[in-house]
């Protein structure tokens, strides 16, 4: 995904739904991996925070996509807090 995401960004743009979904899935792989390092978890947090800001700007705060990313962000924070 590290190779695919920059291509998707160029082709689809930062605010395209598929690009947002790809970033969320990328972050999810880190916080679901029991072998992920703290740096991996922090990268997941940064990715989710960026995706959430973009989705909120594009879709508005009450959109289901934004709510879904907020849920992912909550779970990622819990995993990061547990590992620290």
C-alpha atoms as a PDB file:
ATOM      1  CA  UNK A   1       0.000   0.000   0.000  1.00  0.00           C
ATOM      2  CA  UNK A   2       2.941   2.328   0.532  1.00  0.00           C
ATOM      3  CA  UNK A   3       3.528   2.212  -3.224  1.00  0.00           C
ATOM      4  CA  UNK A   4      -0.136   2.411  -4.218  1.00  0.00           C
ATOM      5  CA  UNK A   5      -1.261   5.278  -2.002  1.00  0.00           C
ATOM      6  CA  UNK A   6       0.922   7.964  -3.647  1.00  0.00           C
ATOM      7  CA  UNK A   7      -0.365   6.868  -7.063  1.00  0.00           C
ATOM      8  CA  UNK A   8      -3.970   7.020  -5.854  1.00  0.00           C
ATOM      9  CA  UNK A   9      -3.293  10.457  -4.424  1.00  0.00           C
ATOM     10  CA  UNK A  10      -2.037  11.718  -7.796  1.00  0.00           C
ATOM     11  CA  UNK A  11      -4.805  10.101  -9.825  1.00  0.00           C
ATOM     12  CA  UNK A  12      -7.830  10.558  -7.550  1.00  0.00           C
ATOM     13  CA  UNK A  13      -6.855  13.510  -5.401  1.00  0.00           C
ATOM     14  CA  UNK A  14      -6.646  13.930  -1.653  1.00  0.00           C
ATOM     15  CA  UNK A  15     -10.371  14.166  -0.998  1.00  0.00           C
ATOM     16  CA  UNK A  16     -11.642  11.241  -3.102  1.00  0.00           C
ATOM     17  CA  UNK A  17     -13.616   8.654  -1.153  1.00  0.00           C
ATOM     18  CA  UNK A  18     -11.462   5.748  -2.353  1.00  0.00           C
ATOM     19  CA  UNK A  19      -8.282   7.526  -1.305  1.00  0.00           C
ATOM     20  CA  UNK A  20      -9.720   8.182   2.163  1.00  0.00           C
ATOM     21  CA  UNK A  21     -10.798   4.555   2.427  1.00  0.00           C
ATOM     22  CA  UNK A  22      -7.346   3.370   1.393  1.00  0.00           C
ATOM     23  CA  UNK A  23      -5.693   5.480   4.088  1.00  0.00           C
ATOM     24  CA  UNK A  24      -8.069   4.155   6.750  1.00  0.00           C
ATOM     25  CA  UNK A  25      -7.360   0.555   5.713  1.00  0.00           C
ATOM     26  CA  UNK A  26      -3.630   1.263   5.751  1.00  0.00           C
ATOM     27  CA  UNK A  27      -3.833   2.591   9.309  1.00  0.00           C
ATOM     28  CA  UNK A  28      -6.079  -0.278  10.404  1.00  0.00           C
ATOM     29  CA  UNK A  29      -3.452  -2.819   9.375  1.00  0.00           C
ATOM     30  CA  UNK A  30      -1.043  -1.271  11.857  1.00  0.00           C
ATOM     31  CA  UNK A  31      -3.243  -1.104  14.914  1.00  0.00           C
ATOM     32  CA  UNK A  32      -4.636  -4.604  14.296  1.00  0.00           C
ATOM     33  CA  UNK A  33      -1.114  -6.051  14.031  1.00  0.00           C
ATOM     34  CA  UNK A  34       0.106  -7.293  17.421  1.00  0.00           C
ATOM     35  CA  UNK A  35       3.712  -6.968  16.181  1.00  0.00           C
ATOM     36  CA  UNK A  36       3.382  -3.311  15.165  1.00  0.00           C
ATOM     37  CA  UNK A  37       5.951  -1.009  16.718  1.00  0.00           C
ATOM     38  CA  UNK A  38       5.077   2.183  18.551  1.00  0.00           C
ATOM     39  CA  UNK A  39       6.283   4.111  15.495  1.00  0.00           C
ATOM     40  CA  UNK A  40       3.866   2.104  13.330  1.00  0.00           C
ATOM     41  CA  UNK A  41       1.016   2.913  15.698  1.00  0.00           C
ATOM     42  CA  UNK A  42       1.924   6.585  15.703  1.00  0.00           C
ATOM     43  CA  UNK A  43       1.965   6.555  11.892  1.00  0.00           C
ATOM     44  CA  UNK A  44      -1.495   4.978  11.976  1.00  0.00           C
ATOM     45  CA  UNK A  45      -2.700   7.757  14.271  1.00  0.00           C
ATOM     46  CA  UNK A  46      -1.266  10.462  12.022  1.00  0.00           C
ATOM     47  CA  UNK A  47      -2.818   8.845   8.947  1.00  0.00           C
ATOM     48  CA  UNK A  48      -6.231   8.582  10.588  1.00  0.00           C
ATOM     49  CA  UNK A  49      -6.137  12.128  11.939  1.00  0.00           C
ATOM     50  CA  UNK A  50      -5.303  13.450   8.479  1.00  0.00           C
ATOM     51  CA  UNK A  51      -8.022  11.344   6.843  1.00  0.00           C
ATOM     52  CA  UNK A  52     -10.550  12.507   9.431  1.00  0.00           C
ATOM     53  CA  UNK A  53      -9.739  16.185   8.822  1.00  0.00           C
ATOM     54  CA  UNK A  54     -10.019  15.719   5.070  1.00  0.00           C
ATOM     55  CA  UNK A  55     -13.284  13.765   5.304  1.00  0.00           C
ATOM     56  CA  UNK A  56     -14.783  16.355   7.672  1.00  0.00           C
ATOM     57  CA  UNK A  57     -13.831  19.165   5.266  1.00  0.00           C
ATOM     58  CA  UNK A  58     -15.218  17.356   2.223  1.00  0.00           C
ATOM     59  CA  UNK A  59     -18.309  15.596   3.597  1.00  0.00           C
ATOM     60  CA  UNK A  60     -19.198  17.490   6.783  1.00  0.00           C
ATOM     61  CA  UNK A  61     -19.094  16.319  10.369  1.00  0.00           C
ATOM     62  CA  UNK A  62     -22.264  14.230  10.341  1.00  0.00           C
ATOM     63  CA  UNK A  63     -21.398  12.123   7.267  1.00  0.00           C
ATOM     64  CA  UNK A  64     -21.147   8.347   7.902  1.00  0.00           C
ATOM     65  CA  UNK A  65     -17.616   8.276   6.470  1.00  0.00           C
ATOM     66  CA  UNK A  66     -16.471  10.832   9.022  1.00  0.00           C
ATOM     67  CA  UNK A  67     -18.183   8.917  11.827  1.00  0.00           C
ATOM     68  CA  UNK A  68     -16.495   5.699  10.682  1.00  0.00           C
ATOM     69  CA  UNK A  69     -13.066   7.311  10.657  1.00  0.00           C
ATOM     70  CA  UNK A  70     -13.724   8.737  14.121  1.00  0.00           C
ATOM     71  CA  UNK A  71     -14.446   5.190  15.327  1.00  0.00           C
ATOM     72  CA  UNK A  72     -11.216   3.935  13.783  1.00  0.00           C
ATOM     73  CA  UNK A  73      -9.345   6.795  15.430  1.00  0.00           C
ATOM     74  CA  UNK A  74     -10.863   5.909  18.815  1.00  0.00           C
ATOM     75  CA  UNK A  75      -9.778   2.269  18.460  1.00  0.00           C
ATOM     76  CA  UNK A  76      -6.287   3.229  17.292  1.00  0.00           C
ATOM     77  CA  UNK A  77      -5.866   5.569  20.276  1.00  0.00           C
ATOM     78  CA  UNK A  78      -6.896   2.780  22.629  1.00  0.00           C
ATOM     79  CA  UNK A  79      -4.347   0.388  21.133  1.00  0.00           C
ATOM     80  CA  UNK A  80      -1.594   3.010  21.227  1.00  0.00           C
ATOM     81  CA  UNK A  81      -2.412   3.896  24.839  1.00  0.00           C
ATOM     82  CA  UNK A  82      -2.392   0.206  25.848  1.00  0.00           C
ATOM     83  CA  UNK A  83       1.013  -0.358  24.224  1.00  0.00           C
ATOM     84  CA  UNK A  84       2.648   2.747  25.705  1.00  0.00           C
END
